[in-house]
Amino acid sequence: MTIYDYTTTGGKNIITQYIDALPKAERLELYDIRNEIEESGLDAFEKLNTRQLNGKLWEIKASQNRIMYVIIDKNGVAFLHICKKQKGKAEKQELEKAIKRAKREGLIK
């Protein structure tokens, strides 16, 4: 399965940039998740700790990190946003950011 990371209009890969700035243990965990998805496809999501956020928008929970994504089809997934787990208003802002990106990419209406 192909993972499509969200990139800015300037070409920055928001997802890998975030992951690369994490401590080694967290970075390795997230790259292991990416590898599992690439190798196992949709089956990988059954093994991961995921939950539905809003319609087609889901999240992967990995320690204190959250990856918000939309499954495009059986061959592709779009990672739209990544952040630390938070409570309250900050979490709502993170969700809104992921929804906005998904709409901009035409993944949700």
C-alpha atoms as a PDB file:
ATOM      1  CA  MET A   1       0.000   0.000   0.000  1.00  0.00           C
ATOM      2  CA  THR A   2       1.257   3.463  -0.823  1.00  0.00           C
ATOM      3  CA  ILE A   3       1.300   6.140   1.875  1.00  0.00           C
ATOM      4  CA  TYR A   4       0.714   9.676   0.626  1.00  0.00           C
ATOM      5  CA  ASP A   5       1.996  12.173   3.176  1.00  0.00           C
ATOM      6  CA  TYR A   6       0.504  15.637   3.296  1.00  0.00           C
ATOM      7  CA  THR A   7       2.905  18.198   1.854  1.00  0.00           C
ATOM      8  CA  THR A   8       2.652  21.964   1.938  1.00  0.00           C
ATOM      9  CA  THR A   9       2.409  24.038  -1.231  1.00  0.00           C
ATOM     10  CA  GLY A  10       6.120  24.719  -0.697  1.00  0.00           C
ATOM     11  CA  GLY A  11       6.862  20.984  -0.839  1.00  0.00           C
ATOM     12  CA  LYS A  12       7.510  20.268   2.862  1.00  0.00           C
ATOM     13  CA  ASN A  13       6.451  16.807   3.982  1.00  0.00           C
ATOM     14  CA  ILE A  14       4.655  17.648   7.238  1.00  0.00           C
ATOM     15  CA  ILE A  15       4.400  14.033   8.393  1.00  0.00           C
ATOM     16  CA  THR A  16       8.022  12.878   8.061  1.00  0.00           C
ATOM     17  CA  GLN A  17       9.295  16.244   9.277  1.00  0.00           C
ATOM     18  CA  TYR A  18       7.295  15.772  12.498  1.00  0.00           C
ATOM     19  CA  ILE A  19       8.389  12.137  12.913  1.00  0.00           C
ATOM     20  CA  ASP A  20      12.058  12.941  12.350  1.00  0.00           C
ATOM     21  CA  ALA A  21      11.959  15.511  15.197  1.00  0.00           C
ATOM     22  CA  LEU A  22      10.704  12.959  17.758  1.00  0.00           C
ATOM     23  CA  PRO A  23      12.834  11.059  20.269  1.00  0.00           C
ATOM     24  CA  LYS A  24      14.331   7.867  18.848  1.00  0.00           C
ATOM     25  CA  ALA A  25      11.875   5.388  20.442  1.00  0.00           C
ATOM     26  CA  GLU A  26       8.803   7.278  19.193  1.00  0.00           C
ATOM     27  CA  ARG A  27      10.378   7.797  15.763  1.00  0.00           C
ATOM     28  CA  LEU A  28      11.095   4.070  15.416  1.00  0.00           C
ATOM     29  CA  GLU A  29       7.550   3.154  16.485  1.00  0.00           C
ATOM     30  CA  LEU A  30       6.008   5.445  13.861  1.00  0.00           C
ATOM     31  CA  TYR A  31       8.319   4.261  11.085  1.00  0.00           C
ATOM     32  CA  ASP A  32       7.493   0.639  12.049  1.00  0.00           C
ATOM     33  CA  ILE A  33       3.796   1.496  11.646  1.00  0.00           C
ATOM     34  CA  ARG A  34       4.474   3.032   8.229  1.00  0.00           C
ATOM     35  CA  ASN A  35       6.418  -0.074   7.136  1.00  0.00           C
ATOM     36  CA  GLU A  36       3.646  -2.390   8.337  1.00  0.00           C
ATOM     37  CA  ILE A  37       1.057  -0.429   6.328  1.00  0.00           C
ATOM     38  CA  GLU A  38       3.237  -0.410   3.205  1.00  0.00           C
ATOM     39  CA  GLU A  39       3.871  -4.162   3.459  1.00  0.00           C
ATOM     40  CA  SER A  40       0.490  -5.466   4.704  1.00  0.00           C
ATOM     41  CA  GLY A  41      -1.915  -2.915   3.229  1.00  0.00           C
ATOM     42  CA  LEU A  42      -5.400  -2.762   4.702  1.00  0.00           C
ATOM     43  CA  ASP A  43      -4.691  -5.748   6.968  1.00  0.00           C
ATOM     44  CA  ALA A  44      -2.240  -3.588   8.933  1.00  0.00           C
ATOM     45  CA  PHE A  45      -5.039  -1.326  10.159  1.00  0.00           C
ATOM     46  CA  GLU A  46      -6.671  -4.259  11.974  1.00  0.00           C
ATOM     47  CA  LYS A  47      -3.517  -4.696  14.062  1.00  0.00           C
ATOM     48  CA  LEU A  48      -3.123  -0.991  14.856  1.00  0.00           C
ATOM     49  CA  ASN A  49      -4.888   1.047  17.516  1.00  0.00           C
ATOM     50  CA  THR A  50      -7.224   3.137  15.355  1.00  0.00           C
ATOM     51  CA  ARG A  51     -10.492   4.996  15.785  1.00  0.00           C
ATOM     52  CA  GLN A  52     -12.882   6.820  13.505  1.00  0.00           C
ATOM     53  CA  LEU A  53     -12.881  10.588  13.990  1.00  0.00           C
ATOM     54  CA  ASN A  54     -15.275  12.014  11.418  1.00  0.00           C
ATOM     55  CA  GLY A  55     -16.690  10.167   8.404  1.00  0.00           C
ATOM     56  CA  LYS A  56     -13.728   8.867   6.365  1.00  0.00           C
ATOM     57  CA  LEU A  57     -11.201  10.507   8.715  1.00  0.00           C
ATOM     58  CA  TRP A  58      -9.514   8.091  11.131  1.00  0.00           C
ATOM     59  CA  GLU A  59      -6.569   8.206  13.507  1.00  0.00           C
ATOM     60  CA  ILE A  60      -3.787   5.835  14.442  1.00  0.00           C
ATOM     61  CA  LYS A  61      -2.806   6.002  18.094  1.00  0.00           C
ATOM     62  CA  ALA A  62       0.877   5.375  18.759  1.00  0.00           C
ATOM     63  CA  SER A  63       2.030   6.155  22.308  1.00  0.00           C
ATOM     64  CA  GLN A  64       1.303   9.892  22.684  1.00  0.00           C
ATOM     65  CA  ASN A  65       1.187  10.550  18.932  1.00  0.00           C
ATOM     66  CA  ARG A  66      -1.807  10.576  16.627  1.00  0.00           C
ATOM     67  CA  ILE A  67      -1.734  10.198  12.833  1.00  0.00           C
ATOM     68  CA  MET A  68      -4.927  11.369  11.142  1.00  0.00           C
ATOM     69  CA  TYR A  69      -5.578   9.663   7.826  1.00  0.00           C
ATOM     70  CA  VAL A  70      -8.067   8.794   5.090  1.00  0.00           C
ATOM     71  CA  ILE A  71      -7.980   5.494   3.230  1.00  0.00           C
ATOM     72  CA  ILE A  72      -8.125   6.373  -0.476  1.00  0.00           C
ATOM     73  CA  ASP A  73      -8.597   2.831  -1.799  1.00  0.00           C
ATOM     74  CA  LYS A  74      -7.115  -0.645  -1.267  1.00  0.00           C
ATOM     75  CA  ASN A  75      -3.762   0.602  -2.587  1.00  0.00           C
ATOM     76  CA  GLY A  76      -3.408   3.994  -0.919  1.00  0.00           C
ATOM     77  CA  VAL A  77      -3.766   5.923   2.316  1.00  0.00           C
ATOM     78  CA  ALA A  78      -3.318   9.660   2.871  1.00  0.00           C
ATOM     79  CA  PHE A  79      -1.630  10.733   6.107  1.00  0.00           C
ATOM     80  CA  LEU A  80      -3.036  14.223   6.601  1.00  0.00           C
ATOM     81  CA  HIS A  81      -1.882  15.323  10.034  1.00  0.00           C
ATOM     82  CA  ILE A  82       0.213  14.166  12.966  1.00  0.00           C
ATOM     83  CA  CYS A  83       0.314  15.559  16.493  1.00  0.00           C
ATOM     84  CA  LYS A  84       0.764  14.768  20.170  1.00  0.00           C
ATOM     85  CA  LYS A  85      -2.308  13.572  22.030  1.00  0.00           C
ATOM     86  CA  GLN A  86      -3.959  16.542  23.700  1.00  0.00           C
ATOM     87  CA  LYS A  87      -7.146  17.403  25.527  1.00  0.00           C
ATOM     88  CA  GLY A  88      -9.758  20.060  24.902  1.00  0.00           C
ATOM     89  CA  LYS A  89      -9.466  22.939  22.449  1.00  0.00           C
ATOM     90  CA  ALA A  90      -6.056  21.988  21.119  1.00  0.00           C
ATOM     91  CA  GLU A  91      -7.340  18.557  20.097  1.00  0.00           C
ATOM     92  CA  LYS A  92     -10.304  20.142  18.314  1.00  0.00           C
ATOM     93  CA  GLN A  93      -7.935  22.445  16.404  1.00  0.00           C
ATOM     94  CA  GLU A  94      -5.843  19.455  15.309  1.00  0.00           C
ATOM     95  CA  LEU A  95      -8.966  17.659  14.067  1.00  0.00           C
ATOM     96  CA  GLU A  96     -10.107  20.745  12.166  1.00  0.00           C
ATOM     97  CA  LYS A  97      -6.687  21.014  10.536  1.00  0.00           C
ATOM     98  CA  ALA A  98      -6.906  17.393   9.315  1.00  0.00           C
ATOM     99  CA  ILE A  99     -10.441  17.925   7.983  1.00  0.00           C
ATOM    100  CA  LYS A 100      -9.372  21.080   6.158  1.00  0.00           C
ATOM    101  CA  ARG A 101      -6.459  19.240   4.527  1.00  0.00           C
ATOM    102  CA  ALA A 102      -8.685  16.320   3.520  1.00  0.00           C
ATOM    103  CA  LYS A 103     -11.155  18.701   1.889  1.00  0.00           C
ATOM    104  CA  ARG A 104      -8.352  20.570   0.108  1.00  0.00           C
ATOM    105  CA  GLU A 105      -7.100  17.273  -1.316  1.00  0.00           C
ATOM    106  CA  GLY A 106     -10.606  16.233  -2.359  1.00  0.00           C
ATOM    107  CA  LEU A 107     -10.642  13.217  -0.042  1.00  0.00           C
ATOM    108  CA  ILE A 108     -13.806  14.251   1.815  1.00  0.00           C
ATOM    109  CA  LYS A 109     -16.623  16.684   1.111  1.00  0.00           C
END
